[in-house]
Amino acid sequence: MKPAFNVRQQSEIFIGPLADILSGVLPEGRVVVVSDSTIDRLYHSVLAQYDTVLIGLGESVKTMQTVEMIYRRFIELGVDRSTFVLAVGGGIVTDVAGFAASTYMRGVKFGFVSTTLLGQVDASVGGKNGVNVDGYKNMAGTFTQPQFVICDPALLRTLPEREFRAGLAEVVKAAIIADADLFGRIERTTFEALRTDTDLLSDAVSAAIRVKSDIVERDERESGDRRKLNLGHTLAHAIEKASNRMNHGEAVAVGTALIAGAAVKLGALTQADCDRIVNVLTALGFDLTPPVEVKRLLKEVGKDKKNEDGMLRIVLPVGIGDCEVRPMTMDAFAALF
């Protein structure tokens, strides 16, 4: 099967049935799997033939301690530079396993089978791997491309509704950044249709990956265009730091709605386009009320790793399918709220 996308001639992205793709992309030789207990339960028959390292569940395991545990298991299992690491799971598994693989013995080759919508359209694509430090998102990490990423929309059938919805926030984000047609298609469909129609979902996954892979192609290390992928994330990361009531996708939806409102105040976005963004997120079932006061969120924004020389790089939607990155002081940003 041919890859749907090839990121920087280093990372092939496949969209289709796992059973048809995996054996054709795994290299000869030994494979060790990194996964979690949920995936092991659901897909044990696929993973049983490999030595497997299981990590815990949830954002709280995305830490250096987990990476150290993986290193120790790798040493026990005799993993060396000729071993291939296959991460099977959602964004947390791929982030942590990608970081462990790209730093163990100064780097072993790895690939991903992405099992969540959030992972397929965002976390697993683009070569960013990392862990949180003291609750600050992705403070330690690498830019290392996986050899391949397999996105099988059929795997998303087992996702709980809340997890599926979380992934849709990143699909909407991709549409706002660079695909007005995708945005229009999401406006014309429903949450239920996306949940049940594999073709419709494959189309959305493919379009969102195209937006991300095009941007990563131009800017792998986030010095320019790649910053656009942080649309809604400045406030989303603050929400995740200040409260545990929302998962990543829910926080991104709130952050995106807030930043759309701020863009209107700045005269960068029309009220009509802001309303379209808010309406599409609401129609997909997101609660767009921040779980804590905005004042508290702004305090966290000041500590974000994306600050440079005391300036924030704020991603503003300037239309449906178009964004710009604007340097802003913390005071100027706070004044918008």
C-alpha atoms as a PDB file:
ATOM      1  CA  MET A   1       0.000   0.000   0.000  1.00  0.00           C
ATOM      2  CA  LYS A   2       1.303   3.463  -0.859  1.00  0.00           C
ATOM      3  CA  PRO A   3       1.571   6.090   1.894  1.00  0.00           C
ATOM      4  CA  ALA A   4      -1.011   8.894   1.807  1.00  0.00           C
ATOM      5  CA  PHE A   5       1.674  11.399   2.850  1.00  0.00           C
ATOM      6  CA  ASN A   6       5.433  11.465   3.223  1.00  0.00           C
ATOM      7  CA  VAL A   7       6.715  14.021   5.740  1.00  0.00           C
ATOM      8  CA  ARG A   8      10.162  15.382   4.888  1.00  0.00           C
ATOM      9  CA  GLN A   9      10.994  12.140   2.993  1.00  0.00           C
ATOM     10  CA  GLN A  10      11.475  10.541   6.432  1.00  0.00           C
ATOM     11  CA  SER A  11       8.054   9.621   7.749  1.00  0.00           C
ATOM     12  CA  GLU A  12       5.397   7.759   5.745  1.00  0.00           C
ATOM     13  CA  ILE A  13       1.795   8.233   6.823  1.00  0.00           C
ATOM     14  CA  PHE A  14      -0.693   5.533   5.908  1.00  0.00           C
ATOM     15  CA  ILE A  15      -4.465   5.816   6.170  1.00  0.00           C
ATOM     16  CA  GLY A  16      -6.278   2.494   5.963  1.00  0.00           C
ATOM     17  CA  PRO A  17      -6.744  -0.930   7.564  1.00  0.00           C
ATOM     18  CA  LEU A  18      -3.992  -1.837  10.036  1.00  0.00           C
ATOM     19  CA  ALA A  19      -4.050  -5.509   8.966  1.00  0.00           C
ATOM     20  CA  ASP A  20      -3.269  -4.548   5.351  1.00  0.00           C
ATOM     21  CA  ILE A  21      -0.434  -2.167   6.203  1.00  0.00           C
ATOM     22  CA  LEU A  22       1.559  -3.213   9.272  1.00  0.00           C
ATOM     23  CA  SER A  23       3.450  -6.263   7.977  1.00  0.00           C
ATOM     24  CA  GLY A  24       4.516  -4.326   4.875  1.00  0.00           C
ATOM     25  CA  VAL A  25       6.092  -1.439   6.799  1.00  0.00           C
ATOM     26  CA  LEU A  26       7.743  -3.176   9.764  1.00  0.00           C
ATOM     27  CA  PRO A  27      11.462  -3.678   9.143  1.00  0.00           C
ATOM     28  CA  GLU A  28      13.123  -7.105   9.268  1.00  0.00           C
ATOM     29  CA  GLY A  29      14.404  -8.020  12.699  1.00  0.00           C
ATOM     30  CA  ARG A  30      13.232  -7.559  16.248  1.00  0.00           C
ATOM     31  CA  VAL A  31      10.246  -5.365  17.170  1.00  0.00           C
ATOM     32  CA  VAL A  32       9.402  -4.222  20.713  1.00  0.00           C
ATOM     33  CA  VAL A  33       5.981  -2.639  21.344  1.00  0.00           C
ATOM     34  CA  VAL A  34       5.229   0.243  23.723  1.00  0.00           C
ATOM     35  CA  SER A  35       1.533   0.536  24.545  1.00  0.00           C
ATOM     36  CA  ASP A  36      -0.935   0.844  27.430  1.00  0.00           C
ATOM     37  CA  SER A  37      -3.274  -1.544  29.229  1.00  0.00           C
ATOM     38  CA  THR A  38      -6.402  -0.409  27.342  1.00  0.00           C
ATOM     39  CA  ILE A  39      -4.833  -1.047  23.939  1.00  0.00           C
ATOM     40  CA  ASP A  40      -3.358  -4.332  25.164  1.00  0.00           C
ATOM     41  CA  ARG A  41      -6.845  -5.427  26.202  1.00  0.00           C
ATOM     42  CA  LEU A  42      -8.502  -4.365  22.933  1.00  0.00           C
ATOM     43  CA  TYR A  43      -5.800  -5.555  20.521  1.00  0.00           C
ATOM     44  CA  HIS A  44      -3.983  -8.248  22.480  1.00  0.00           C
ATOM     45  CA  SER A  45      -4.039 -10.636  19.521  1.00  0.00           C
ATOM     46  CA  VAL A  46      -2.084  -8.103  17.409  1.00  0.00           C
ATOM     47  CA  LEU A  47       0.478  -7.312  20.129  1.00  0.00           C
ATOM     48  CA  ALA A  48       0.925 -10.793  21.665  1.00  0.00           C
ATOM     49  CA  GLN A  49       3.676 -11.818  19.227  1.00  0.00           C
ATOM     50  CA  TYR A  50       5.995  -8.981  20.411  1.00  0.00           C
ATOM     51  CA  ASP A  51       7.790  -8.161  23.656  1.00  0.00           C
ATOM     52  CA  THR A  52       5.634  -5.369  25.065  1.00  0.00           C
ATOM     53  CA  VAL A  53       6.257  -2.498  27.469  1.00  0.00           C
ATOM     54  CA  LEU A  54       3.022  -1.145  28.953  1.00  0.00           C
ATOM     55  CA  ILE A  55       2.724   2.359  30.410  1.00  0.00           C
ATOM     56  CA  GLY A  56      -0.098   3.802  32.538  1.00  0.00           C
ATOM     57  CA  LEU A  57      -3.084   5.804  31.298  1.00  0.00           C
ATOM     58  CA  GLY A  58      -3.705   9.535  31.158  1.00  0.00           C
ATOM     59  CA  GLU A  59      -1.731  12.763  30.989  1.00  0.00           C
ATOM     60  CA  SER A  60      -0.265  12.135  34.470  1.00  0.00           C
ATOM     61  CA  VAL A  61       1.999   9.357  33.075  1.00  0.00           C
ATOM     62  CA  LYS A  62       3.548  11.660  30.461  1.00  0.00           C
ATOM     63  CA  THR A  63       6.663  12.194  32.592  1.00  0.00           C
ATOM     64  CA  MET A  64      10.396  11.525  32.769  1.00  0.00           C
ATOM     65  CA  GLN A  65       9.645   8.799  35.337  1.00  0.00           C
ATOM     66  CA  THR A  66       7.692   6.858  32.709  1.00  0.00           C
ATOM     67  CA  VAL A  67      10.505   7.328  30.189  1.00  0.00           C
ATOM     68  CA  GLU A  68      12.993   5.969  32.744  1.00  0.00           C
ATOM     69  CA  MET A  69      10.735   2.971  33.324  1.00  0.00           C
ATOM     70  CA  ILE A  70      10.745   2.338  29.544  1.00  0.00           C
ATOM     71  CA  TYR A  71      14.566   2.616  29.416  1.00  0.00           C
ATOM     72  CA  ARG A  72      14.854   0.044  32.218  1.00  0.00           C
ATOM     73  CA  ARG A  73      12.472  -2.347  30.469  1.00  0.00           C
ATOM     74  CA  PHE A  74      14.413  -1.861  27.216  1.00  0.00           C
ATOM     75  CA  ILE A  75      17.644  -2.770  29.045  1.00  0.00           C
ATOM     76  CA  GLU A  76      15.980  -5.849  30.585  1.00  0.00           C
ATOM     77  CA  LEU A  77      14.687  -6.905  27.173  1.00  0.00           C
ATOM     78  CA  GLY A  78      18.075  -6.380  25.544  1.00  0.00           C
ATOM     79  CA  VAL A  79      16.830  -3.665  23.174  1.00  0.00           C
ATOM     80  CA  ASP A  80      19.733  -2.405  21.054  1.00  0.00           C
ATOM     81  CA  ARG A  81      20.193  -0.112  18.075  1.00  0.00           C
ATOM     82  CA  SER A  82      18.981  -2.767  15.651  1.00  0.00           C
ATOM     83  CA  THR A  83      15.625  -3.124  17.503  1.00  0.00           C
ATOM     84  CA  PHE A  84      12.566  -1.352  16.095  1.00  0.00           C
ATOM     85  CA  VAL A  85      10.176   0.266  18.590  1.00  0.00           C
ATOM     86  CA  LEU A  86       6.492   0.197  17.636  1.00  0.00           C
ATOM     87  CA  ALA A  87       4.257   2.491  19.699  1.00  0.00           C
ATOM     88  CA  VAL A  88       0.589   1.480  19.608  1.00  0.00           C
ATOM     89  CA  GLY A  89      -1.853   3.871  21.252  1.00  0.00           C
ATOM     90  CA  GLY A  90      -3.056   7.431  21.530  1.00  0.00           C
ATOM     91  CA  GLY A  91      -1.101  10.651  21.739  1.00  0.00           C
ATOM     92  CA  ILE A  92       0.304   9.981  25.194  1.00  0.00           C
ATOM     93  CA  VAL A  93       1.736   6.602  24.170  1.00  0.00           C
ATOM     94  CA  THR A  94       3.242   7.976  20.942  1.00  0.00           C
ATOM     95  CA  ASP A  95       4.639  11.117  22.638  1.00  0.00           C
ATOM     96  CA  VAL A  96       6.300   9.142  25.432  1.00  0.00           C
ATOM     97  CA  ALA A  97       7.447   6.190  23.313  1.00  0.00           C
ATOM     98  CA  GLY A  98       8.772   8.484  20.589  1.00  0.00           C
ATOM     99  CA  PHE A  99      10.797  10.406  23.173  1.00  0.00           C
ATOM    100  CA  ALA A 100      12.120   7.214  24.784  1.00  0.00           C
ATOM    101  CA  ALA A 101      13.049   5.660  21.415  1.00  0.00           C
ATOM    102  CA  SER A 102      14.710   8.805  20.076  1.00  0.00           C
ATOM    103  CA  THR A 103      16.905   9.130  23.198  1.00  0.00           C
ATOM    104  CA  TYR A 104      17.597   5.475  24.149  1.00  0.00           C
ATOM    105  CA  MET A 105      21.160   4.633  23.013  1.00  0.00           C
ATOM    106  CA  ARG A 106      21.080   8.044  21.285  1.00  0.00           C
ATOM    107  CA  GLY A 107      18.189   6.906  19.153  1.00  0.00           C
ATOM    108  CA  VAL A 108      16.571   3.726  17.845  1.00  0.00           C
ATOM    109  CA  LYS A 109      14.133   3.647  14.935  1.00  0.00           C
ATOM    110  CA  PHE A 110      10.435   3.717  15.732  1.00  0.00           C
ATOM    111  CA  GLY A 111       6.970   3.836  14.171  1.00  0.00           C
ATOM    112  CA  PHE A 112       3.432   4.522  15.362  1.00  0.00           C
ATOM    113  CA  VAL A 113       0.033   2.882  15.146  1.00  0.00           C
ATOM    114  CA  SER A 114      -2.248   5.708  16.223  1.00  0.00           C
ATOM    115  CA  THR A 115      -5.439   4.501  17.898  1.00  0.00           C
ATOM    116  CA  THR A 116      -7.221   7.767  18.811  1.00  0.00           C
ATOM    117  CA  LEU A 117      -8.625  10.533  16.639  1.00  0.00           C
ATOM    118  CA  LEU A 118      -6.528  13.117  18.508  1.00  0.00           C
ATOM    119  CA  GLY A 119      -3.440  11.017  17.831  1.00  0.00           C
ATOM    120  CA  GLN A 120      -4.206  10.406  14.159  1.00  0.00           C
ATOM    121  CA  VAL A 121      -4.809  14.020  13.215  1.00  0.00           C
ATOM    122  CA  ASP A 122      -2.257  15.631  15.508  1.00  0.00           C
ATOM    123  CA  ALA A 123      -0.051  13.959  18.109  1.00  0.00           C
ATOM    124  CA  SER A 124       1.448  11.143  16.032  1.00  0.00           C
ATOM    125  CA  VAL A 125       2.252  13.233  12.931  1.00  0.00           C
ATOM    126  CA  GLY A 126       5.155  15.637  12.591  1.00  0.00           C
ATOM    127  CA  GLY A 127       8.007  14.248  14.672  1.00  0.00           C
ATOM    128  CA  LYS A 128       7.410  16.031  17.978  1.00  0.00           C
ATOM    129  CA  ASN A 129       7.955  13.705  20.936  1.00  0.00           C
ATOM    130  CA  GLY A 130       7.993  14.794  24.535  1.00  0.00           C
ATOM    131  CA  VAL A 131       6.941  14.648  28.165  1.00  0.00           C
ATOM    132  CA  ASN A 132       5.663  17.105  30.745  1.00  0.00           C
ATOM    133  CA  VAL A 133       7.752  18.383  33.650  1.00  0.00           C
ATOM    134  CA  ASP A 134       5.925  19.419  36.859  1.00  0.00           C
ATOM    135  CA  GLY A 135       2.719  19.778  34.858  1.00  0.00           C
ATOM    136  CA  TYR A 136       4.240  22.064  32.192  1.00  0.00           C
ATOM    137  CA  LYS A 137       3.401  20.604  28.807  1.00  0.00           C
ATOM    138  CA  ASN A 138       6.129  19.023  26.672  1.00  0.00           C
ATOM    139  CA  MET A 139       9.013  20.716  28.482  1.00  0.00           C
ATOM    140  CA  ALA A 140      11.406  17.885  27.561  1.00  0.00           C
ATOM    141  CA  GLY A 141      11.345  16.444  24.067  1.00  0.00           C
ATOM    142  CA  THR A 142      12.868  15.889  20.643  1.00  0.00           C
ATOM    143  CA  PHE A 143      12.086  16.488  16.992  1.00  0.00           C
ATOM    144  CA  THR A 144      12.522  12.978  15.538  1.00  0.00           C
ATOM    145  CA  GLN A 145      10.320  11.652  12.741  1.00  0.00           C
ATOM    146  CA  PRO A 146       8.743   8.196  13.147  1.00  0.00           C
ATOM    147  CA  GLN A 147       9.561   5.922  10.185  1.00  0.00           C
ATOM    148  CA  PHE A 148       5.843   5.516   9.640  1.00  0.00           C
ATOM    149  CA  VAL A 149       2.458   6.353  11.155  1.00  0.00           C
ATOM    150  CA  ILE A 150      -0.547   4.107  10.549  1.00  0.00           C
ATOM    151  CA  CYS A 151      -3.966   5.756  10.942  1.00  0.00           C
ATOM    152  CA  ASP A 152      -6.765   3.205  10.688  1.00  0.00           C
ATOM    153  CA  PRO A 153     -10.125   5.003  11.084  1.00  0.00           C
ATOM    154  CA  ALA A 154     -11.748   1.651  11.961  1.00  0.00           C
ATOM    155  CA  LEU A 155      -9.723   1.606  15.218  1.00  0.00           C
ATOM    156  CA  LEU A 156     -11.630   4.721  16.320  1.00  0.00           C
ATOM    157  CA  ARG A 157     -14.862   2.720  16.736  1.00  0.00           C
ATOM    158  CA  THR A 158     -13.723   1.593  20.191  1.00  0.00           C
ATOM    159  CA  LEU A 159     -13.128   5.164  21.410  1.00  0.00           C
ATOM    160  CA  PRO A 160     -15.446   6.494  24.110  1.00  0.00           C
ATOM    161  CA  GLU A 161     -17.608   9.340  22.808  1.00  0.00           C
ATOM    162  CA  ARG A 162     -15.743  11.960  24.854  1.00  0.00           C
ATOM    163  CA  GLU A 163     -12.369  10.869  23.447  1.00  0.00           C
ATOM    164  CA  PHE A 164     -13.712  10.886  19.899  1.00  0.00           C
ATOM    165  CA  ARG A 165     -15.086  14.400  20.370  1.00  0.00           C
ATOM    166  CA  ALA A 166     -11.712  15.549  21.749  1.00  0.00           C
ATOM    167  CA  GLY A 167     -10.077  14.580  18.455  1.00  0.00           C
ATOM    168  CA  LEU A 168     -12.612  16.583  16.471  1.00  0.00           C
ATOM    169  CA  ALA A 169     -11.310  19.770  18.137  1.00  0.00           C
ATOM    170  CA  GLU A 170      -7.983  19.221  16.357  1.00  0.00           C
ATOM    171  CA  VAL A 171      -9.771  18.516  13.054  1.00  0.00           C
ATOM    172  CA  VAL A 172     -11.624  21.838  13.387  1.00  0.00           C
ATOM    173  CA  LYS A 173      -8.318  23.537  14.309  1.00  0.00           C
ATOM    174  CA  ALA A 174      -6.665  22.195  11.132  1.00  0.00           C
ATOM    175  CA  ALA A 175      -9.622  23.426   9.061  1.00  0.00           C
ATOM    176  CA  ILE A 176      -9.444  26.942  10.556  1.00  0.00           C
ATOM    177  CA  ILE A 177      -5.679  27.091   9.939  1.00  0.00           C
ATOM    178  CA  ALA A 178      -5.599  26.086   6.293  1.00  0.00           C
ATOM    179  CA  ASP A 179      -8.621  24.247   4.873  1.00  0.00           C
ATOM    180  CA  ALA A 180     -11.820  26.243   4.431  1.00  0.00           C
ATOM    181  CA  ASP A 181     -13.373  23.369   2.430  1.00  0.00           C
ATOM    182  CA  LEU A 182     -12.865  20.948   5.316  1.00  0.00           C
ATOM    183  CA  PHE A 183     -14.455  23.495   7.662  1.00  0.00           C
ATOM    184  CA  GLY A 184     -17.465  23.721   5.369  1.00  0.00           C
ATOM    185  CA  ARG A 185     -17.800  19.931   5.272  1.00  0.00           C
ATOM    186  CA  ILE A 186     -17.737  19.766   9.095  1.00  0.00           C
ATOM    187  CA  GLU A 187     -20.410  22.512   9.246  1.00  0.00           C
ATOM    188  CA  ARG A 188     -22.646  20.448   6.983  1.00  0.00           C
ATOM    189  CA  THR A 189     -22.295  17.193   8.920  1.00  0.00           C
ATOM    190  CA  THR A 190     -23.054  16.080  12.476  1.00  0.00           C
ATOM    191  CA  PHE A 191     -21.168  14.504  15.349  1.00  0.00           C
ATOM    192  CA  GLU A 192     -23.183  11.285  14.873  1.00  0.00           C
ATOM    193  CA  ALA A 193     -22.386  11.097  11.153  1.00  0.00           C
ATOM    194  CA  LEU A 194     -18.655  11.495  11.784  1.00  0.00           C
ATOM    195  CA  ARG A 195     -18.868   8.879  14.532  1.00  0.00           C
ATOM    196  CA  THR A 196     -20.549   6.251  12.363  1.00  0.00           C
ATOM    197  CA  ASP A 197     -19.511   6.898   8.741  1.00  0.00           C
ATOM    198  CA  THR A 198     -15.976   5.568   8.173  1.00  0.00           C
ATOM    199  CA  ASP A 199     -15.655   7.212   4.737  1.00  0.00           C
ATOM    200  CA  LEU A 200     -16.640  10.612   6.104  1.00  0.00           C
ATOM    201  CA  LEU A 201     -14.206  10.167   8.980  1.00  0.00           C
ATOM    202  CA  SER A 202     -11.362   8.975   6.711  1.00  0.00           C
ATOM    203  CA  ASP A 203     -11.871  12.110   4.622  1.00  0.00           C
ATOM    204  CA  ALA A 204     -11.673  14.356   7.712  1.00  0.00           C
ATOM    205  CA  VAL A 205      -8.593  12.539   9.076  1.00  0.00           C
ATOM    206  CA  SER A 206      -6.843  12.744   5.713  1.00  0.00           C
ATOM    207  CA  ALA A 207      -7.611  16.460   5.268  1.00  0.00           C
ATOM    208  CA  ALA A 208      -6.411  17.314   8.792  1.00  0.00           C
ATOM    209  CA  ILE A 209      -3.188  15.330   8.321  1.00  0.00           C
ATOM    210  CA  ARG A 210      -2.598  17.100   5.002  1.00  0.00           C
ATOM    211  CA  VAL A 211      -2.748  20.493   6.757  1.00  0.00           C
ATOM    212  CA  LYS A 212      -0.269  19.363   9.399  1.00  0.00           C
ATOM    213  CA  SER A 213       2.133  17.541   7.074  1.00  0.00           C
ATOM    214  CA  ASP A 214       2.246  20.499   4.645  1.00  0.00           C
ATOM    215  CA  ILE A 215       3.205  22.820   7.500  1.00  0.00           C
ATOM    216  CA  VAL A 216       5.785  20.417   8.983  1.00  0.00           C
ATOM    217  CA  GLU A 217       7.284  20.021   5.507  1.00  0.00           C
ATOM    218  CA  ARG A 218       7.993  23.767   5.495  1.00  0.00           C
ATOM    219  CA  ASP A 219       8.957  24.146   9.142  1.00  0.00           C
ATOM    220  CA  GLU A 220       9.892  21.046  11.121  1.00  0.00           C
ATOM    221  CA  ARG A 221      11.261  22.815  14.210  1.00  0.00           C
ATOM    222  CA  GLU A 222       8.598  25.426  14.845  1.00  0.00           C
ATOM    223  CA  SER A 223      10.560  28.542  13.923  1.00  0.00           C
ATOM    224  CA  GLY A 224       7.837  29.942  11.656  1.00  0.00           C
ATOM    225  CA  ASP A 225       4.793  28.371  10.011  1.00  0.00           C
ATOM    226  CA  ARG A 226       4.575  25.404  12.393  1.00  0.00           C
ATOM    227  CA  ARG A 227       3.570  27.780  15.158  1.00  0.00           C
ATOM    228  CA  LYS A 228       0.187  28.024  13.418  1.00  0.00           C
ATOM    229  CA  LEU A 229      -0.529  24.495  14.662  1.00  0.00           C
ATOM    230  CA  ASN A 230      -0.710  26.028  18.149  1.00  0.00           C
ATOM    231  CA  LEU A 231      -4.009  27.752  17.311  1.00  0.00           C
ATOM    232  CA  GLY A 232      -6.074  27.705  20.520  1.00  0.00           C
ATOM    233  CA  HIS A 233      -3.260  25.985  22.417  1.00  0.00           C
ATOM    234  CA  THR A 234      -1.865  28.963  24.361  1.00  0.00           C
ATOM    235  CA  LEU A 235      -5.061  29.087  26.399  1.00  0.00           C
ATOM    236  CA  ALA A 236      -5.721  25.323  26.127  1.00  0.00           C
ATOM    237  CA  HIS A 237      -2.436  24.489  27.841  1.00  0.00           C
ATOM    238  CA  ALA A 238      -3.271  27.048  30.546  1.00  0.00           C
ATOM    239  CA  ILE A 239      -6.683  25.365  31.027  1.00  0.00           C
ATOM    240  CA  GLU A 240      -5.003  21.960  31.386  1.00  0.00           C
ATOM    241  CA  LYS A 241      -2.509  23.365  33.903  1.00  0.00           C
ATOM    242  CA  ALA A 242      -5.142  25.186  35.987  1.00  0.00           C
ATOM    243  CA  SER A 243      -7.837  22.497  36.053  1.00  0.00           C
ATOM    244  CA  ASN A 244      -8.243  18.769  35.471  1.00  0.00           C
ATOM    245  CA  ARG A 245     -11.872  19.066  34.361  1.00  0.00           C
ATOM    246  CA  MET A 246     -11.114  19.097  30.612  1.00  0.00           C
ATOM    247  CA  ASN A 247      -9.132  16.782  28.385  1.00  0.00           C
ATOM    248  CA  HIS A 248      -6.801  18.194  25.714  1.00  0.00           C
ATOM    249  CA  GLY A 249      -9.363  18.385  22.920  1.00  0.00           C
ATOM    250  CA  GLU A 250     -11.987  20.041  25.134  1.00  0.00           C
ATOM    251  CA  ALA A 251      -9.402  22.612  26.257  1.00  0.00           C
ATOM    252  CA  VAL A 252      -8.395  23.256  22.615  1.00  0.00           C
ATOM    253  CA  ALA A 253     -12.056  23.894  21.707  1.00  0.00           C
ATOM    254  CA  VAL A 254     -12.362  26.475  24.516  1.00  0.00           C
ATOM    255  CA  GLY A 255      -8.994  28.037  23.647  1.00  0.00           C
ATOM    256  CA  THR A 256      -9.962  28.277  19.977  1.00  0.00           C
ATOM    257  CA  ALA A 257     -13.288  29.966  20.754  1.00  0.00           C
ATOM    258  CA  LEU A 258     -11.578  32.441  23.129  1.00  0.00           C
ATOM    259  CA  ILE A 259      -8.858  33.329  20.632  1.00  0.00           C
ATOM    260  CA  ALA A 260     -11.442  33.784  17.855  1.00  0.00           C
ATOM    261  CA  GLY A 261     -13.199  36.325  20.090  1.00  0.00           C
ATOM    262  CA  ALA A 262      -9.876  38.060  20.762  1.00  0.00           C
ATOM    263  CA  ALA A 263      -9.151  38.180  17.004  1.00  0.00           C
ATOM    264  CA  VAL A 264     -12.468  39.981  16.473  1.00  0.00           C
ATOM    265  CA  LYS A 265     -11.488  42.575  19.108  1.00  0.00           C
ATOM    266  CA  LEU A 266      -8.196  43.124  17.284  1.00  0.00           C
ATOM    267  CA  GLY A 267     -10.020  43.574  13.979  1.00  0.00           C
ATOM    268  CA  ALA A 268      -8.246  40.504  12.529  1.00  0.00           C
ATOM    269  CA  LEU A 269     -11.374  38.323  12.180  1.00  0.00           C
ATOM    270  CA  THR A 270     -14.948  39.183  11.237  1.00  0.00           C
ATOM    271  CA  GLN A 271     -17.704  38.571  13.770  1.00  0.00           C
ATOM    272  CA  ALA A 272     -19.402  36.325  11.182  1.00  0.00           C
ATOM    273  CA  ASP A 273     -16.360  34.030  10.948  1.00  0.00           C
ATOM    274  CA  CYS A 274     -16.005  34.000  14.739  1.00  0.00           C
ATOM    275  CA  ASP A 275     -19.655  32.945  14.993  1.00  0.00           C
ATOM    276  CA  ARG A 276     -19.052  30.121  12.489  1.00  0.00           C
ATOM    277  CA  ILE A 277     -16.151  28.836  14.617  1.00  0.00           C
ATOM    278  CA  VAL A 278     -18.165  28.982  17.844  1.00  0.00           C
ATOM    279  CA  ASN A 279     -21.220  27.408  16.182  1.00  0.00           C
ATOM    280  CA  VAL A 280     -19.328  24.477  14.674  1.00  0.00           C
ATOM    281  CA  LEU A 281     -17.656  23.666  18.015  1.00  0.00           C
ATOM    282  CA  THR A 282     -20.978  23.945  19.842  1.00  0.00           C
ATOM    283  CA  ALA A 283     -22.714  21.742  17.258  1.00  0.00           C
ATOM    284  CA  LEU A 284     -20.059  19.050  17.829  1.00  0.00           C
ATOM    285  CA  GLY A 285     -20.988  19.077  21.517  1.00  0.00           C
ATOM    286  CA  PHE A 286     -18.225  21.137  23.143  1.00  0.00           C
ATOM    287  CA  ASP A 287     -18.893  23.206  26.245  1.00  0.00           C
ATOM    288  CA  LEU A 288     -17.025  26.451  25.508  1.00  0.00           C
ATOM    289  CA  THR A 289     -17.117  27.832  29.053  1.00  0.00           C
ATOM    290  CA  PRO A 290     -13.605  27.938  30.578  1.00  0.00           C
ATOM    291  CA  PRO A 291     -13.449  25.701  33.691  1.00  0.00           C
ATOM    292  CA  VAL A 292     -11.635  28.444  35.662  1.00  0.00           C
ATOM    293  CA  GLU A 293     -11.615  32.247  35.486  1.00  0.00           C
ATOM    294  CA  VAL A 294      -9.755  33.711  32.499  1.00  0.00           C
ATOM    295  CA  LYS A 295      -7.669  35.721  34.982  1.00  0.00           C
ATOM    296  CA  ARG A 296      -6.268  32.449  36.321  1.00  0.00           C
ATOM    297  CA  LEU A 297      -5.557  31.217  32.777  1.00  0.00           C
ATOM    298  CA  LEU A 298      -3.597  34.372  31.919  1.00  0.00           C
ATOM    299  CA  LYS A 299      -1.340  33.721  34.915  1.00  0.00           C
ATOM    300  CA  GLU A 300      -0.427  30.327  33.439  1.00  0.00           C
ATOM    301  CA  VAL A 301       0.043  31.746  29.930  1.00  0.00           C
ATOM    302  CA  GLY A 302       2.916  33.854  31.278  1.00  0.00           C
ATOM    303  CA  LYS A 303       4.822  30.638  32.092  1.00  0.00           C
ATOM    304  CA  ASP A 304       4.312  28.925  28.710  1.00  0.00           C
ATOM    305  CA  LYS A 305       7.459  27.520  27.051  1.00  0.00           C
ATOM    306  CA  LYS A 306       6.471  29.234  23.808  1.00  0.00           C
ATOM    307  CA  ASN A 307       7.308  32.672  25.255  1.00  0.00           C
ATOM    308  CA  GLU A 308      10.448  34.155  23.719  1.00  0.00           C
ATOM    309  CA  ASP A 309      12.147  37.326  24.992  1.00  0.00           C
ATOM    310  CA  GLY A 310       9.057  38.037  27.082  1.00  0.00           C
ATOM    311  CA  MET A 311       6.869  37.983  23.938  1.00  0.00           C
ATOM    312  CA  LEU A 312       4.023  35.572  23.262  1.00  0.00           C
ATOM    313  CA  ARG A 313       3.586  34.258  19.731  1.00  0.00           C
ATOM    314  CA  ILE A 314      -0.188  34.283  19.459  1.00  0.00           C
ATOM    315  CA  VAL A 315      -1.896  32.415  16.613  1.00  0.00           C
ATOM    316  CA  LEU A 316      -4.893  34.420  15.425  1.00  0.00           C
ATOM    317  CA  PRO A 317      -7.517  33.180  12.990  1.00  0.00           C
ATOM    318  CA  VAL A 318      -7.884  35.863  10.294  1.00  0.00           C
ATOM    319  CA  GLY A 319     -10.489  33.946   8.287  1.00  0.00           C
ATOM    320  CA  ILE A 320     -11.788  30.401   7.890  1.00  0.00           C
ATOM    321  CA  GLY A 321      -8.777  28.597   6.442  1.00  0.00           C
ATOM    322  CA  ASP A 322      -6.245  31.291   7.326  1.00  0.00           C
ATOM    323  CA  CYS A 323      -4.203  32.220  10.394  1.00  0.00           C
ATOM    324  CA  GLU A 324      -1.339  34.485  11.307  1.00  0.00           C
ATOM    325  CA  VAL A 325       1.220  34.416  14.103  1.00  0.00           C
ATOM    326  CA  ARG A 326       1.427  37.724  15.948  1.00  0.00           C
ATOM    327  CA  PRO A 327       4.075  38.626  18.555  1.00  0.00           C
ATOM    328  CA  MET A 328       2.385  40.192  21.551  1.00  0.00           C
ATOM    329  CA  THR A 329       3.380  41.267  25.051  1.00  0.00           C
ATOM    330  CA  MET A 330       1.681  39.486  27.918  1.00  0.00           C
ATOM    331  CA  ASP A 331      -0.051  42.768  28.881  1.00  0.00           C
ATOM    332  CA  ALA A 332      -1.420  43.298  25.373  1.00  0.00           C
ATOM    333  CA  PHE A 333      -2.676  39.707  25.280  1.00  0.00           C
ATOM    334  CA  ALA A 334      -4.307  39.989  28.724  1.00  0.00           C
ATOM    335  CA  ALA A 335      -6.040  43.219  27.670  1.00  0.00           C
ATOM    336  CA  LEU A 336      -7.976  41.285  25.017  1.00  0.00           C
ATOM    337  CA  PHE A 337      -9.851  39.422  27.779  1.00  0.00           C
END
